Amino acid sequence: MHDFSCKEPDDMYYDVLTKRAAYFKKTQEGREEMSDVMKKFAERLVHDNNIEIAKNLLADGVSIEIIANRFKLPIEEVRKLAEKRSA
């Protein structure tokens, strides 16, 4: 547990974790890789949130086209949500 609370890889005890943490924190390649991972994670969170909002709007009777347009969701994805809701 100690290693997971360390801000600096050099303060860690477990060698494998130290090396991986150093890669992500101290190398350009590691920082870029972590940045890409975090961007994808954030995009997924936004998408999942938009899906939940779309479900609520469908329940309120908002049109599929408006939902797809406002939340930048593929219209087919919103249609599938609507179909699931009515099934």
C-alpha atoms as a PDB file:
ATOM      1  CA  MET A   1       0.000   0.000   0.000  1.00  0.00           C
ATOM      2  CA  HIS A   2       2.916   2.336   0.638  1.00  0.00           C
ATOM      3  CA  ASP A   3       3.882   2.473  -3.029  1.00  0.00           C
ATOM      4  CA  PHE A   4       0.390   3.553  -4.134  1.00  0.00           C
ATOM      5  CA  SER A   5       0.561   6.633  -1.951  1.00  0.00           C
ATOM      6  CA  CYS A   6       3.958   7.753  -3.245  1.00  0.00           C
ATOM      7  CA  LYS A   7       4.107  10.747  -5.531  1.00  0.00           C
ATOM      8  CA  GLU A   8       7.630   9.992  -6.680  1.00  0.00           C
ATOM      9  CA  PRO A   9       8.659   6.614  -8.134  1.00  0.00           C
ATOM     10  CA  ASP A  10      12.002   6.832  -6.312  1.00  0.00           C
ATOM     11  CA  ASP A  11      10.131   6.583  -2.984  1.00  0.00           C
ATOM     12  CA  MET A  12       8.550   3.235  -3.907  1.00  0.00           C
ATOM     13  CA  TYR A  13       9.722  -0.148  -2.660  1.00  0.00           C
ATOM     14  CA  TYR A  14       8.362  -2.550  -5.301  1.00  0.00           C
ATOM     15  CA  ASP A  15      10.798  -2.544  -8.227  1.00  0.00           C
ATOM     16  CA  VAL A  16       8.322  -3.382 -11.002  1.00  0.00           C
ATOM     17  CA  LEU A  17       5.905  -0.670  -9.900  1.00  0.00           C
ATOM     18  CA  THR A  18       8.768   1.790  -9.506  1.00  0.00           C
ATOM     19  CA  LYS A  19       9.912   1.194 -13.091  1.00  0.00           C
ATOM     20  CA  ARG A  20       6.403   1.536 -14.558  1.00  0.00           C
ATOM     21  CA  ALA A  21       5.606   4.665 -12.552  1.00  0.00           C
ATOM     22  CA  ALA A  22       8.931   6.196 -13.597  1.00  0.00           C
ATOM     23  CA  TYR A  23       8.168   5.410 -17.244  1.00  0.00           C
ATOM     24  CA  PHE A  24       4.816   7.227 -17.090  1.00  0.00           C
ATOM     25  CA  LYS A  25       6.094  10.144 -15.038  1.00  0.00           C
ATOM     26  CA  LYS A  26       9.643  10.709 -16.274  1.00  0.00           C
ATOM     27  CA  THR A  27       9.720   9.865 -19.980  1.00  0.00           C
ATOM     28  CA  GLN A  28       8.134  11.773 -22.834  1.00  0.00           C
ATOM     29  CA  GLU A  29       6.753   8.541 -24.313  1.00  0.00           C
ATOM     30  CA  GLY A  30       5.217   7.553 -21.001  1.00  0.00           C
ATOM     31  CA  ARG A  31       3.602  10.950 -20.486  1.00  0.00           C
ATOM     32  CA  GLU A  32       2.166  10.883 -24.012  1.00  0.00           C
ATOM     33  CA  GLU A  33       0.847   7.362 -23.530  1.00  0.00           C
ATOM     34  CA  MET A  34      -0.774   8.297 -20.222  1.00  0.00           C
ATOM     35  CA  SER A  35      -2.208  11.445 -21.783  1.00  0.00           C
ATOM     36  CA  ASP A  36      -3.810   9.375 -24.543  1.00  0.00           C
ATOM     37  CA  VAL A  37      -5.238   6.942 -22.000  1.00  0.00           C
ATOM     38  CA  MET A  38      -6.686   9.754 -19.915  1.00  0.00           C
ATOM     39  CA  LYS A  39      -8.201  11.457 -22.983  1.00  0.00           C
ATOM     40  CA  LYS A  40      -9.916   8.214 -23.979  1.00  0.00           C
ATOM     41  CA  PHE A  41     -11.130   7.721 -20.413  1.00  0.00           C
ATOM     42  CA  ALA A  42     -12.558  11.252 -20.302  1.00  0.00           C
ATOM     43  CA  GLU A  43     -14.226  10.816 -23.694  1.00  0.00           C
ATOM     44  CA  ARG A  44     -15.814   7.587 -22.488  1.00  0.00           C
ATOM     45  CA  LEU A  45     -17.132   9.278 -19.353  1.00  0.00           C
ATOM     46  CA  VAL A  46     -18.657  12.089 -21.409  1.00  0.00           C
ATOM     47  CA  HIS A  47     -20.184   9.588 -23.823  1.00  0.00           C
ATOM     48  CA  ASP A  48     -21.665   7.479 -21.025  1.00  0.00           C
ATOM     49  CA  ASN A  49     -23.070  10.607 -19.396  1.00  0.00           C
ATOM     50  CA  ASN A  50     -24.611  11.689 -22.707  1.00  0.00           C
ATOM     51  CA  ILE A  51     -26.217   8.267 -23.077  1.00  0.00           C
ATOM     52  CA  GLU A  52     -27.833   8.582 -19.650  1.00  0.00           C
ATOM     53  CA  ILE A  53     -29.095  12.060 -20.507  1.00  0.00           C
ATOM     54  CA  ALA A  54     -30.398  10.750 -23.849  1.00  0.00           C
ATOM     55  CA  LYS A  55     -32.337   7.993 -22.065  1.00  0.00           C
ATOM     56  CA  ASN A  56     -33.943  10.558 -19.780  1.00  0.00           C
ATOM     57  CA  LEU A  57     -34.818  12.845 -22.680  1.00  0.00           C
ATOM     58  CA  LEU A  58     -36.327   9.953 -24.617  1.00  0.00           C
ATOM     59  CA  ALA A  59     -38.474   9.193 -21.579  1.00  0.00           C
ATOM     60  CA  ASP A  60     -39.596  12.838 -21.636  1.00  0.00           C
ATOM     61  CA  GLY A  61     -40.581  12.549 -25.298  1.00  0.00           C
ATOM     62  CA  VAL A  62     -37.749  14.532 -26.875  1.00  0.00           C
ATOM     63  CA  SER A  63     -37.157  13.532 -30.500  1.00  0.00           C
ATOM     64  CA  ILE A  64     -34.346  11.214 -31.504  1.00  0.00           C
ATOM     65  CA  GLU A  65     -32.996  13.778 -33.970  1.00  0.00           C
ATOM     66  CA  ILE A  66     -32.785  16.563 -31.394  1.00  0.00           C
ATOM     67  CA  ILE A  67     -31.034  14.313 -28.875  1.00  0.00           C
ATOM     68  CA  ALA A  68     -28.520  13.051 -31.452  1.00  0.00           C
ATOM     69  CA  ASN A  69     -27.803  16.581 -32.637  1.00  0.00           C
ATOM     70  CA  ARG A  70     -27.458  18.237 -29.235  1.00  0.00           C
ATOM     71  CA  PHE A  71     -25.326  15.526 -27.667  1.00  0.00           C
ATOM     72  CA  LYS A  72     -23.282  14.645 -30.771  1.00  0.00           C
ATOM     73  CA  LEU A  73     -24.424  11.029 -30.626  1.00  0.00           C
ATOM     74  CA  PRO A  74     -24.851   8.875 -33.730  1.00  0.00           C
ATOM     75  CA  ILE A  75     -28.530   8.866 -34.634  1.00  0.00           C
ATOM     76  CA  GLU A  76     -28.504   5.063 -34.899  1.00  0.00           C
ATOM     77  CA  GLU A  77     -27.271   4.805 -31.328  1.00  0.00           C
ATOM     78  CA  VAL A  78     -30.101   7.026 -30.107  1.00  0.00           C
ATOM     79  CA  ARG A  79     -32.596   4.996 -32.166  1.00  0.00           C
ATOM     80  CA  LYS A  80     -31.370   1.823 -30.483  1.00  0.00           C
ATOM     81  CA  LEU A  81     -31.818   3.452 -27.084  1.00  0.00           C
ATOM     82  CA  ALA A  82     -35.366   4.396 -28.070  1.00  0.00           C
ATOM     83  CA  GLU A  83     -36.078   0.863 -29.275  1.00  0.00           C
ATOM     84  CA  LYS A  84     -34.812  -0.643 -26.019  1.00  0.00           C
ATOM     85  CA  ARG A  85     -36.974   1.777 -24.089  1.00  0.00           C
ATOM     86  CA  SER A  86     -40.121   0.840 -25.989  1.00  0.00           C
ATOM     87  CA  ALA A  87     -39.418  -2.911 -25.904  1.00  0.00           C
END
